[in-house]
Protein backbone atom coordinates (compact mmCIF):
# COMPACT_ATOMS: atom_id res chain seq x y z
CA MET A 1 -0.06 0.03 -0.08
CA ILE A 2 2.84 2.58 0.94
CA ALA A 3 4.58 1.18 -2.23
CA ARG A 4 1.26 2.24 -4.33
CA LEU A 5 1.34 5.79 -2.45
CA LEU A 6 4.83 6.63 -3.46
CA GLN A 7 4.24 5.48 -6.63
CA SER A 8 1.47 7.57 -7.41
CA ALA A 9 3.03 10.44 -5.57
CA ALA A 10 5.92 10.30 -8.01
CA ALA A 11 3.81 9.82 -11.05
CA LEU A 12 1.71 13.44 -9.77
CA ALA A 13 5.26 14.99 -9.23
CA LEU A 14 6.16 13.88 -12.97
CA LEU A 15 2.80 15.09 -14.42
CA SER A 16 3.35 18.41 -12.08
CA GLY A 17 6.95 18.92 -13.92
CA ALA A 18 5.70 18.33 -17.11
CA ALA A 19 2.97 21.05 -16.37
CA ALA A 20 5.42 23.28 -15.13
CA ALA A 21 7.44 23.13 -18.05
CA ASP A 22 4.75 24.10 -20.37
CA TYR A 23 4.84 27.32 -21.91
CA SER A 24 2.06 29.47 -22.97
CA LEU A 25 2.42 32.63 -25.58
CA THR A 26 0.01 34.67 -26.82
CA ILE A 27 1.05 36.07 -30.54
CA LEU A 28 -0.68 39.03 -31.47
CA HIS A 29 -0.53 39.77 -34.88
CA THR A 30 -1.44 41.97 -37.75
CA ASN A 31 -0.76 41.80 -41.99
CA ASP A 32 -1.71 43.83 -44.94
CA PHE A 33 -2.17 47.21 -42.76
CA HIS A 34 -1.74 48.98 -46.39
CA ALA A 35 -1.52 52.52 -44.29
CA ARG A 36 -5.18 52.46 -43.15
CA PHE A 37 -4.34 55.02 -39.81
CA GLU A 38 -7.96 56.24 -40.00
CA PRO A 39 -10.79 53.97 -39.64
CA ILE A 40 -12.40 52.18 -42.74
CA ASN A 41 -16.01 50.96 -43.99
CA LYS A 42 -17.67 47.98 -44.68
CA PHE A 43 -15.93 48.36 -48.30
CA ASP A 44 -12.07 48.80 -46.64
CA SER A 45 -12.32 52.61 -47.92
CA GLY A 46 -12.43 55.98 -45.90
CA CYS A 47 -14.88 56.08 -43.40
CA SER A 48 -17.17 59.13 -43.26
CA ALA A 49 -18.34 60.68 -40.67
CA GLU A 50 -21.85 59.85 -41.22
CA GLU A 51 -20.71 55.88 -41.06
CA SER A 52 -19.05 56.99 -38.07
CA GLY A 53 -21.93 58.34 -36.77
CA LYS A 54 -23.71 55.14 -37.18
CA GLY A 55 -20.82 52.86 -35.61
CA GLU A 56 -20.03 51.53 -38.99
CA CYS A 57 -16.20 51.92 -39.20
CA PHE A 58 -13.54 49.35 -38.51
CA GLY A 59 -10.11 49.50 -37.42
CA GLY A 60 -7.66 52.15 -37.63
CA THR A 61 -4.70 52.79 -35.38
CA ALA A 62 -6.21 54.26 -32.57
CA ARG A 63 -8.65 50.94 -31.92
CA LEU A 64 -5.48 49.09 -32.29
CA VAL A 65 -3.93 50.79 -29.07
CA SER A 66 -6.73 50.09 -27.06
CA ALA A 67 -7.06 46.18 -28.24
CA LEU A 68 -3.47 45.65 -27.74
CA ALA A 69 -3.85 46.75 -24.38
CA GLU A 70 -6.44 44.48 -23.18
CA ALA A 71 -5.00 41.62 -25.37
CA ARG A 72 -1.84 41.97 -23.11
CA ALA A 73 -3.56 42.56 -20.28
CA ARG A 74 -5.16 39.17 -20.62
CA SER A 75 -1.58 37.47 -21.21
CA ASN A 76 1.35 36.62 -19.26
CA ASN A 77 3.74 36.45 -22.05
CA SER A 78 2.95 37.98 -25.52
CA ILE A 79 4.40 39.56 -28.60
CA LEU A 80 3.31 41.66 -31.46
CA VAL A 81 4.48 40.91 -34.96
CA ASP A 82 3.25 41.98 -38.46
CA GLY A 83 3.19 39.88 -41.51
CA GLY A 84 3.96 42.94 -43.90
CA ASP A 85 2.58 45.33 -46.33
CA GLN A 86 2.26 48.44 -44.14
CA PHE A 87 3.41 50.62 -46.90
CA GLN A 88 1.13 51.72 -49.43
CA GLY A 89 -2.72 52.50 -49.96
CA THR A 90 -3.97 55.79 -48.88
CA LEU A 91 -2.37 59.43 -49.32
CA PHE A 92 -0.74 59.22 -45.58
CA TYR A 93 1.67 56.72 -47.22
CA THR A 94 1.77 59.16 -50.66
CA TYR A 95 2.89 61.73 -48.58
CA TYR A 96 4.92 60.28 -45.47
CA LYS A 97 6.41 57.13 -47.08
CA GLY A 98 7.58 55.17 -44.22
CA ALA A 99 7.51 57.77 -41.67
CA MET A 100 4.12 57.46 -40.09
CA SER A 101 4.28 53.62 -40.23
CA ALA A 102 7.61 53.78 -38.26
CA GLU A 103 5.83 56.21 -35.65
CA PHE A 104 2.74 54.13 -34.99
CA MET A 105 4.53 50.51 -35.46
CA ASN A 106 6.75 52.12 -32.67
CA LYS A 107 3.81 53.18 -30.43
CA LEU A 108 2.19 49.84 -30.78
CA GLY A 109 5.07 48.19 -29.29
CA TYR A 110 5.85 45.82 -32.45
CA ASP A 111 8.53 42.97 -31.86
CA ALA A 112 9.16 42.02 -35.19
CA MET A 113 7.88 42.61 -38.83
CA THR A 114 8.70 40.76 -42.55
CA VAL A 115 9.09 42.64 -45.49
CA GLY A 116 6.30 42.84 -47.84
CA ASN A 117 6.44 43.45 -51.21
CA HIS A 118 4.88 46.95 -50.90
CA GLU A 119 7.48 47.60 -48.80
CA PHE A 120 9.72 47.61 -52.07
CA ASP A 121 7.36 50.24 -53.74
CA ASP A 122 9.96 52.86 -53.63
CA GLY A 123 13.05 51.03 -53.41
CA PRO A 124 15.44 50.10 -50.74
CA GLU A 125 16.33 53.55 -50.17
CA VAL A 126 12.29 53.95 -48.48
CA LEU A 127 12.55 50.55 -46.59
CA ARG A 128 15.87 51.46 -45.34
CA GLY A 129 14.70 54.91 -44.08
CA PHE A 130 11.75 53.10 -41.80
CA MET A 131 14.09 50.20 -40.86
CA ASP A 132 16.43 53.17 -39.01
CA ALA A 133 13.17 54.56 -37.65
CA VAL A 134 11.87 51.22 -36.23
CA GLN A 135 12.61 50.22 -32.51
CA PHE A 136 11.98 46.20 -33.44
CA PRO A 137 13.91 44.04 -36.44
CA VAL A 138 12.46 43.64 -39.73
CA LEU A 139 13.45 40.56 -41.36
CA MET A 140 13.53 38.47 -45.06
CA SER A 141 15.32 35.47 -45.00
CA ASN A 142 14.54 34.10 -48.74
CA ALA A 143 16.67 36.66 -50.49
CA ASP A 144 20.23 37.34 -51.09
CA VAL A 145 20.71 41.09 -50.08
CA SER A 146 24.82 41.15 -49.88
CA GLY A 147 24.70 43.03 -53.45
CA GLU A 148 22.27 45.98 -51.63
CA PRO A 149 24.51 48.50 -50.18
CA LEU A 150 21.65 50.03 -48.32
CA LEU A 151 20.35 46.71 -46.89
CA LYS A 152 23.02 44.22 -46.44
CA ASP A 153 24.23 45.03 -42.96
CA LYS A 154 20.65 46.04 -41.55
CA LEU A 155 17.98 43.46 -43.38
CA ALA A 156 18.43 40.40 -41.68
CA LYS A 157 17.16 36.78 -42.25
CA SER A 158 15.83 36.11 -38.94
CA VAL A 159 16.10 37.14 -35.13
CA VAL A 160 15.86 35.69 -31.59
CA ILE A 161 13.62 37.51 -28.68
CA GLU A 162 13.48 36.53 -25.46
CA ARG A 163 9.93 36.54 -23.67
CA GLY A 164 8.83 34.95 -20.45
CA GLY A 165 12.52 33.37 -19.83
CA GLU A 166 12.02 31.41 -22.98
CA LYS A 167 13.56 31.75 -26.80
CA LEU A 168 11.38 32.68 -29.72
CA GLY A 169 13.07 32.46 -32.97
CA LEU A 170 11.61 34.49 -35.83
CA ILE A 171 12.13 34.20 -39.55
CA GLY A 172 11.03 36.54 -42.30
CA LEU A 173 9.24 35.65 -45.64
CA THR A 174 8.44 37.68 -48.59
CA PRO A 175 7.20 36.90 -52.14
CA GLN A 176 9.49 35.32 -54.40
CA ASP A 177 8.24 37.54 -57.29
CA THR A 178 8.89 40.14 -55.37
CA ASP A 179 11.09 41.92 -58.42
CA GLU A 180 7.86 41.36 -60.40
CA LEU A 181 5.66 43.07 -58.14
CA ALA A 182 7.55 45.76 -56.58
CA SER A 183 10.67 47.67 -56.92
CA PRO A 184 13.25 46.44 -54.82
CA GLY A 185 16.06 47.17 -57.78
CA LYS A 186 18.66 44.53 -59.48
CA ASN A 187 21.24 44.04 -56.58
CA ILE A 188 18.50 41.55 -54.44
CA ILE A 189 17.47 38.32 -55.58
CA PHE A 190 14.77 36.26 -54.18
CA THR A 191 14.55 32.58 -53.69
CA ASP A 192 12.41 29.69 -52.78
CA PRO A 193 10.77 30.08 -49.41
CA VAL A 194 11.10 26.16 -48.58
CA GLY A 195 14.52 26.10 -48.71
CA ALA A 196 15.10 29.68 -47.08
CA VAL A 197 12.96 28.86 -44.14
CA GLN A 198 14.66 25.75 -43.47
CA ALA A 199 18.29 26.97 -43.46
CA GLU A 200 17.48 29.36 -40.84
CA VAL A 201 15.12 27.08 -38.95
CA ASP A 202 18.42 24.85 -38.86
CA ARG A 203 20.57 27.55 -37.64
CA LEU A 204 18.28 28.48 -34.88
CA THR A 205 17.81 25.10 -33.74
CA ALA A 206 21.87 24.64 -33.83
CA GLU A 207 21.75 27.56 -31.27
CA GLY A 208 19.22 25.60 -29.11
CA VAL A 209 16.11 27.43 -30.25
CA ASN A 210 13.16 25.34 -30.25
CA LYS A 211 10.14 27.91 -30.66
CA ILE A 212 10.30 28.91 -34.05
CA ILE A 213 7.97 31.38 -35.85
CA VAL A 214 7.72 32.69 -39.48
CA LEU A 215 6.25 35.76 -40.53
CA SER A 216 5.35 35.42 -43.63
CA HIS A 217 4.59 37.98 -46.50
CA SER A 218 3.93 34.89 -48.94
CA GLY A 219 0.00 34.10 -49.09
CA TYR A 220 -1.81 31.11 -47.91
CA GLY A 221 -1.00 28.94 -50.36
CA VAL A 222 2.82 29.11 -49.72
CA ASP A 223 2.49 29.20 -46.28
CA LYS A 224 0.68 25.69 -46.52
CA ARG A 225 3.49 24.49 -48.74
CA VAL A 226 6.19 26.15 -45.98
CA ALA A 227 4.47 24.11 -43.31
CA ALA A 228 4.35 20.68 -44.86
CA GLU A 229 7.99 20.94 -46.44
CA THR A 230 9.62 21.93 -43.35
CA THR A 231 10.75 20.79 -40.54
CA GLY A 232 11.13 22.65 -36.72
CA VAL A 233 8.50 25.37 -37.85
CA ASP A 234 5.66 26.06 -35.24
CA VAL A 235 3.81 28.76 -36.25
CA ILE A 236 3.22 30.67 -39.31
CA VAL A 237 1.65 34.33 -39.30
CA GLY A 238 0.41 34.91 -42.78
CA GLY A 239 -0.10 37.74 -45.20
CA HIS A 240 -0.06 39.02 -48.85
CA THR A 241 -3.41 37.40 -49.75
CA ASN A 242 -5.18 39.25 -47.38
CA THR A 243 -6.36 36.26 -45.97
CA TYR A 244 -9.35 35.54 -43.16
CA LEU A 245 -9.14 32.91 -41.16
CA SER A 246 -12.08 32.05 -38.68
CA ASN A 247 -13.56 29.56 -36.68
CA SER A 248 -16.66 31.28 -37.00
CA GLY A 249 -16.64 34.16 -39.85
CA GLU A 250 -19.20 33.49 -42.39
CA ASP A 251 -15.90 34.35 -45.40
CA ALA A 252 -13.20 32.85 -43.80
CA GLU A 253 -10.91 30.75 -46.21
CA GLY A 254 -10.15 28.29 -43.51
CA PRO A 255 -10.04 27.58 -39.66
CA TYR A 256 -7.92 30.01 -37.12
CA PRO A 257 -5.36 28.24 -36.54
CA THR A 258 -5.08 26.25 -39.88
CA MET A 259 -3.61 23.29 -38.75
CA VAL A 260 -0.76 21.35 -41.46
CA GLY A 261 0.73 18.89 -39.13
CA GLN A 262 2.08 20.35 -36.10
CA VAL A 263 2.34 23.69 -37.94
CA ALA A 264 -0.36 26.13 -36.94
CA ILE A 265 -1.07 28.98 -39.78
CA VAL A 266 -2.68 32.47 -38.72
CA SER A 267 -3.52 35.39 -40.80
CA ALA A 268 -6.31 38.44 -40.00
CA TYR A 269 -7.38 39.71 -43.20
CA ALA A 270 -6.22 43.24 -43.91
CA TYR A 271 -6.39 46.86 -43.30
CA GLY A 272 -6.46 46.70 -39.34
CA LYS A 273 -10.13 45.17 -39.69
CA PHE A 274 -8.92 42.60 -37.28
CA LEU A 275 -6.35 41.87 -34.64
CA GLY A 276 -5.39 38.13 -34.74
CA GLU A 277 -4.76 36.82 -31.06
CA LEU A 278 -3.21 33.10 -31.11
CA ASN A 279 -2.58 31.50 -27.98
CA VAL A 280 0.12 28.57 -27.95
CA THR A 281 1.10 26.33 -25.44
CA PHE A 282 4.61 24.67 -25.82
CA ASN A 283 6.20 21.59 -24.03
CA ASP A 284 9.80 21.70 -23.06
CA ALA A 285 10.46 20.27 -26.24
CA GLY A 286 9.58 23.30 -28.18
CA GLU A 287 6.43 21.29 -29.82
CA VAL A 288 3.12 23.08 -29.85
CA VAL A 289 0.78 21.22 -27.50
CA SER A 290 -2.33 23.77 -28.21
CA ALA A 291 -2.99 26.71 -30.57
CA VAL A 292 -6.39 27.90 -29.91
CA GLY A 293 -7.37 31.47 -30.90
CA GLU A 294 -9.68 34.06 -33.13
CA PRO A 295 -8.95 37.36 -35.20
CA LEU A 296 -10.67 40.26 -32.96
CA ILE A 297 -12.82 42.48 -34.79
CA MET A 298 -11.74 46.20 -34.67
CA ASP A 299 -15.52 47.60 -34.78
CA ALA A 300 -16.98 50.25 -33.01
CA ALA A 301 -17.44 48.22 -29.61
CA VAL A 302 -13.57 48.77 -29.43
CA ALA A 303 -12.88 52.26 -28.30
CA GLU A 304 -10.16 54.61 -29.99
CA ASP A 305 -7.64 55.79 -27.95
CA ALA A 306 -7.99 59.75 -28.14
CA GLU A 307 -4.34 60.65 -27.85
CA THR A 308 -3.87 58.49 -31.52
CA VAL A 309 -7.03 60.18 -32.94
CA ALA A 310 -5.71 63.56 -32.13
CA ARG A 311 -1.93 62.64 -33.72
CA ILE A 312 -3.93 61.47 -37.09
CA ALA A 313 -5.90 64.34 -37.20
CA ASP A 314 -2.87 66.25 -36.95
CA LEU A 315 -0.79 64.23 -39.42
CA ALA A 316 -3.98 64.36 -41.74
CA LYS A 317 -3.90 68.17 -42.47
CA PRO A 318 -1.12 68.53 -44.92
CA LEU A 319 -3.02 66.00 -46.89
CA GLU A 320 -5.48 68.46 -48.06
CA GLU A 321 -2.50 70.55 -49.89
CA ILE A 322 -2.24 67.16 -51.83
CA ARG A 323 -6.11 66.78 -52.66
CA GLN A 324 -5.79 70.23 -54.00
CA LYS A 325 -2.67 69.87 -56.28
CA VAL A 326 -3.18 69.54 -59.93
CA VAL A 327 -2.27 66.73 -61.46
CA ALA A 328 -3.19 67.60 -64.99
CA GLU A 329 -5.55 69.24 -67.18
CA THR A 330 -8.38 68.19 -69.31
CA THR A 331 -9.42 70.09 -72.61
CA GLU A 332 -13.15 68.88 -71.88
CA ALA A 333 -15.46 67.81 -68.96
CA ILE A 334 -15.04 64.05 -68.72
CA ASP A 335 -18.23 62.33 -68.31
CA GLY A 336 -18.12 60.13 -64.99
CA SER A 337 -22.08 60.06 -64.27
CA ARG A 338 -23.38 57.39 -63.12
CA GLU A 339 -26.74 57.70 -65.60
CA THR A 340 -24.03 57.15 -68.56
CA CYS A 341 -21.39 54.85 -66.72
CA ARG A 342 -24.02 52.29 -65.80
CA VAL A 343 -25.97 51.98 -69.63
CA GLN A 344 -22.99 52.79 -72.11
CA GLU A 345 -19.51 53.80 -72.80
CA CYS A 346 -18.57 56.59 -71.22
CA ALA A 347 -15.39 58.88 -71.10
CA MET A 348 -14.67 58.59 -67.90
CA GLY A 349 -14.63 54.63 -68.28
CA THR A 350 -12.70 54.85 -71.05
CA LEU A 351 -9.87 56.76 -69.34
CA VAL A 352 -9.78 54.35 -66.45
CA ALA A 353 -9.67 51.09 -68.35
CA GLU A 354 -6.99 52.71 -70.74
CA ALA A 355 -5.19 53.71 -67.46
CA MET A 356 -5.02 50.59 -65.86
CA LEU A 357 -4.14 48.60 -69.32
CA ALA A 358 -1.45 51.15 -69.89
CA ARG A 359 0.02 50.64 -66.35
CA VAL A 360 0.27 46.70 -66.67
CA LYS A 361 0.78 46.39 -70.69
CA ASP A 362 4.16 45.56 -70.22
CA GLN A 363 3.56 42.32 -68.24
CA GLY A 364 1.43 41.06 -71.27
CA VAL A 365 -1.75 42.60 -70.18
CA THR A 366 -4.09 43.26 -72.95
CA ILE A 367 -7.37 43.28 -71.35
CA ALA A 368 -8.81 45.82 -69.25
CA LEU A 369 -12.26 46.22 -67.10
CA THR A 370 -13.58 47.67 -64.53
CA ASN A 371 -17.29 48.53 -63.33
CA GLY A 372 -19.26 51.70 -64.25
CA GLY A 373 -20.05 51.68 -60.50
CA GLY A 374 -16.96 52.20 -59.19
CA LEU A 375 -16.82 55.44 -61.06
CA ARG A 376 -18.73 58.57 -58.79
CA ALA A 377 -17.79 61.77 -60.23
CA SER A 378 -17.25 63.68 -63.61
CA ILE A 379 -14.49 65.78 -63.87
CA ASP A 380 -14.91 69.65 -65.35
CA ALA A 381 -12.81 71.05 -68.41
CA GLY A 382 -9.38 72.73 -67.18
CA PRO A 383 -6.90 71.93 -64.56
CA VAL A 384 -7.71 68.55 -62.75
CA THR A 385 -6.92 68.23 -58.88
CA MET A 386 -6.07 64.81 -57.06
CA GLY A 387 -9.00 65.79 -55.39
CA GLU A 388 -11.25 65.55 -58.12
CA VAL A 389 -9.41 62.29 -58.81
CA LEU A 390 -10.39 60.68 -55.42
CA THR A 391 -13.67 61.78 -55.91
CA VAL A 392 -14.32 59.99 -58.85
CA LEU A 393 -12.32 56.92 -57.41
CA PRO A 394 -12.53 57.27 -53.72
CA PHE A 395 -12.38 53.31 -52.60
CA GLN A 396 -8.92 53.02 -52.84
CA ASN A 397 -9.26 50.12 -54.89
CA THR A 398 -6.25 48.75 -56.11
CA LEU A 399 -4.92 47.46 -59.90
CA SER A 400 -5.63 43.20 -60.22
CA THR A 401 -4.10 41.29 -62.93
CA PHE A 402 -5.01 37.75 -63.28
CA THR A 403 -5.49 35.20 -66.25
CA VAL A 404 -9.02 34.52 -68.02
CA THR A 405 -10.51 32.12 -70.80
CA GLY A 406 -12.39 33.76 -73.30
CA ALA A 407 -15.16 32.37 -72.07
CA GLN A 408 -14.95 33.57 -68.73
CA VAL A 409 -14.40 37.33 -70.41
CA GLN A 410 -17.61 36.54 -72.46
CA ALA A 411 -19.70 35.76 -68.88
CA ALA A 412 -18.18 39.08 -67.32
CA LEU A 413 -19.50 41.09 -70.38
CA GLU A 414 -22.93 39.27 -70.07
CA ASN A 415 -22.74 40.02 -66.23
CA GLY A 416 -22.21 43.56 -66.74
CA VAL A 417 -25.12 44.06 -68.87
CA SER A 418 -27.45 41.40 -66.54
CA GLN A 419 -29.24 44.45 -64.76
CA ILE A 420 -28.82 47.34 -66.85
CA GLU A 421 -32.60 48.06 -66.56
CA GLU A 422 -31.45 48.86 -62.74
CA ASN A 423 -28.65 51.09 -63.74
CA ALA A 424 -26.61 48.81 -61.75
CA GLY A 425 -23.08 49.01 -61.19
CA ARG A 426 -21.86 45.86 -62.60
CA PHE A 427 -22.03 47.70 -66.58
CA ALA A 428 -18.01 46.81 -67.63
CA GLN A 429 -16.49 49.89 -69.21
CA VAL A 430 -13.20 48.33 -70.94
CA ALA A 431 -9.82 48.78 -72.74
CA GLY A 432 -8.85 46.51 -75.24
CA LEU A 433 -12.10 45.06 -75.96
CA LYS A 434 -15.27 45.73 -78.10
CA TYR A 435 -18.44 44.41 -77.56
CA SER A 436 -21.98 44.87 -78.30
CA PHE A 437 -25.09 44.44 -76.55
CA ASP A 438 -28.74 43.96 -76.72
CA PRO A 439 -31.00 45.06 -73.35
CA ALA A 440 -33.88 43.46 -75.14
CA ALA A 441 -32.45 40.10 -74.95
CA ALA A 442 -33.08 37.58 -72.75
CA VAL A 443 -30.39 37.77 -69.48
CA GLY A 444 -27.26 35.79 -70.29
CA SER A 445 -27.71 36.11 -74.17
CA ARG A 446 -27.30 39.69 -74.55
CA ILE A 447 -23.46 39.74 -75.70
CA SER A 448 -22.68 39.71 -79.19
CA ASP A 449 -19.61 40.51 -81.79
CA VAL A 450 -17.01 40.84 -78.32
CA MET A 451 -13.54 41.87 -79.71
CA VAL A 452 -10.23 41.54 -78.57
CA GLN A 453 -7.15 43.57 -79.55
CA GLU A 454 -4.09 41.60 -80.56
CA GLY A 455 -1.08 43.67 -82.17
CA GLY A 456 -2.74 46.56 -84.06
CA ALA A 457 -6.06 44.67 -85.18
CA PHE A 458 -9.05 43.81 -83.26
CA VAL A 459 -10.00 40.15 -83.46
CA PRO A 460 -12.79 37.75 -82.44
CA LEU A 461 -12.66 36.58 -78.70
CA ASP A 462 -11.71 33.03 -78.59
CA PRO A 463 -13.62 31.27 -75.88
CA ALA A 464 -10.71 28.66 -75.26
CA LYS A 465 -7.82 30.74 -75.33
CA GLU A 466 -6.42 32.42 -72.30
CA TYR A 467 -5.74 36.08 -71.84
CA LEU A 468 -4.06 38.23 -69.42
CA ALA A 469 -6.31 40.97 -67.68
CA VAL A 470 -6.64 43.78 -65.45
CA SER A 471 -9.52 45.10 -63.77
CA ASN A 472 -9.53 46.59 -59.89
CA ASN A 473 -9.32 44.23 -57.11
CA TYR A 474 -13.10 44.61 -55.95
CA VAL A 475 -14.41 43.09 -59.30
CA ARG A 476 -11.60 40.52 -59.37
CA GLY A 477 -12.92 39.35 -56.23
CA GLY A 478 -16.30 39.07 -57.19
CA GLY A 479 -18.29 42.40 -56.44
CA ASP A 480 -21.04 43.34 -58.39
CA GLY A 481 -21.61 39.86 -59.60
CA PHE A 482 -17.95 39.11 -60.91
CA LYS A 483 -17.79 35.65 -59.84
CA MET A 484 -16.33 34.26 -62.58
CA PHE A 485 -12.96 36.22 -61.80
CA VAL A 486 -12.85 34.92 -58.17
CA ASP A 487 -10.82 31.79 -58.96
CA ALA A 488 -9.08 33.13 -61.85
CA LYS A 489 -5.51 31.66 -62.29
CA ASN A 490 -2.58 33.82 -61.38
CA ALA A 491 -4.27 36.51 -59.80
CA TYR A 492 -2.38 39.78 -57.94
CA ASP A 493 -4.77 41.48 -55.96
CA PHE A 494 -2.19 44.39 -54.84
CA GLY A 495 -1.11 46.68 -57.44
CA PRO A 496 -0.92 50.65 -56.95
CA ASP A 497 -3.91 52.30 -56.15
CA LEU A 498 -6.25 52.89 -59.57
CA ALA A 499 -6.54 56.50 -58.37
CA ASP A 500 -2.85 57.37 -58.66
CA VAL A 501 -3.14 55.15 -61.80
CA THR A 502 -5.45 57.57 -63.40
CA ALA A 503 -3.95 60.33 -62.15
CA GLU A 504 -0.46 59.15 -63.55
CA TYR A 505 -2.18 58.67 -66.78
CA LEU A 506 -3.56 62.02 -67.24
CA ALA A 507 -0.63 63.73 -66.47
CA VAL A 508 1.73 61.74 -69.23
CA ASN A 509 -1.15 62.40 -71.45
CA ALA A 510 -2.03 66.13 -70.48
CA PRO A 511 -3.63 68.11 -71.64
CA TYR A 512 -6.26 65.17 -71.74
CA THR A 513 -9.13 65.21 -74.56
CA PRO A 514 -11.57 62.94 -73.30
CA PHE A 515 -13.28 60.53 -75.86
CA VAL A 516 -15.38 57.57 -76.36
CA ASP A 517 -14.66 55.69 -79.91
CA GLY A 518 -17.45 53.01 -80.15
CA ARG A 519 -16.09 50.23 -77.97
CA ILE A 520 -19.07 49.45 -76.76
CA THR A 521 -22.15 49.26 -78.74
CA ARG A 522 -25.96 49.25 -77.97
CA LYS A 523 -27.92 47.05 -80.33
């Protein structure tokens, strides 16, 4: 009996010892913030005073300040990390470049971030300035930066930090095709993510680090591949594809976390709309024994920090100068009225579609399509201000490039005229393309005579052929009924802002003469 009691006591001691060795960590995370320091509305664009008054705003740095304070109070050990693309997306970035991001990331207390492709939009110079200003490491493992003087002694592949007496290895990852997506220059060589991550894991584990977190701006699909094809990774904090993972959200692309083997993958959509909160328990061997959590919605229930609100308002004052800046001149008024652009070819639709196509033509893109409902105003003759362009294109939509078949193009055009009787916003304004429609025909059979430009001539659309197309991220994501684009191949939704693209096109072609040329014909 005494022997049994002694054995039981020993077993309890072992269990107690195992429990004591467990280490808990809360990983707080953001990704794809894109300079959304001010709150956004449900369309991920700027939130109006009216929407704010109705409690319909989300995100904004001031909410993150409050939410982070509460989250840290709930945890005995926590870190805050970012999955990349803090840069680009609003006038705040246009004006301040990386300086404003650095100020507020320091205020929020980030422990590390990875480089996103948009961090290279203005070359290594702006990234280096940002890195000099932040109080935390910026990481990128899958690139050789030894040939880039601005980054070779500054940009690390990984870092080890301590929290709660334990060492945590953090590894950065960026898109392998960043040289095609941004402007990193010719001195940086990007490499395969799997090999890069494994090399850093091996180095860190050799140093005795057994808790390893990858900060990945490579997209959900690549994250799952890295998890499956490497050993030693415990958690991947994602970015790049604006993936919403959740155990309760209707639009979630997968569970939070998504488990691939023993690797927990998390992502918190984009634009500061959510704060990711993953609670991980490691055993003494550094293995994940539990990983639970959920992205926290940054809605009106989260109070805004007053000091942060005031600081952002102060920083917003110079933006008014940008809104008044003359970017071009037009010889005539450019018609962007909803009465025209939602039922027929309009001068504004032609302008925006041509601007989109011109921006990505060197990538082999031949077709541009944008929704008439995305055009919100006309522009008067004479000087054109950036404010006017932003009034026409207020949604902070980005250029999206993707591969489509001719059949999908046909379906998209049919969708565009499917609700023409209701002046619906889905009417397709195009470039590199001609088509006719008959509003009296049955829905689904209204489009005819579709021609695509090849070289200097227009030829009939081939339903079986693949084409490279450009649209805005709203349309590519299935907005306005364009569901045929949702699963398009080679989709990249995070190009430059559509307003910036249009303003630059106007400037290059100033004085701009608006036109329509019969590319859309009503029968």
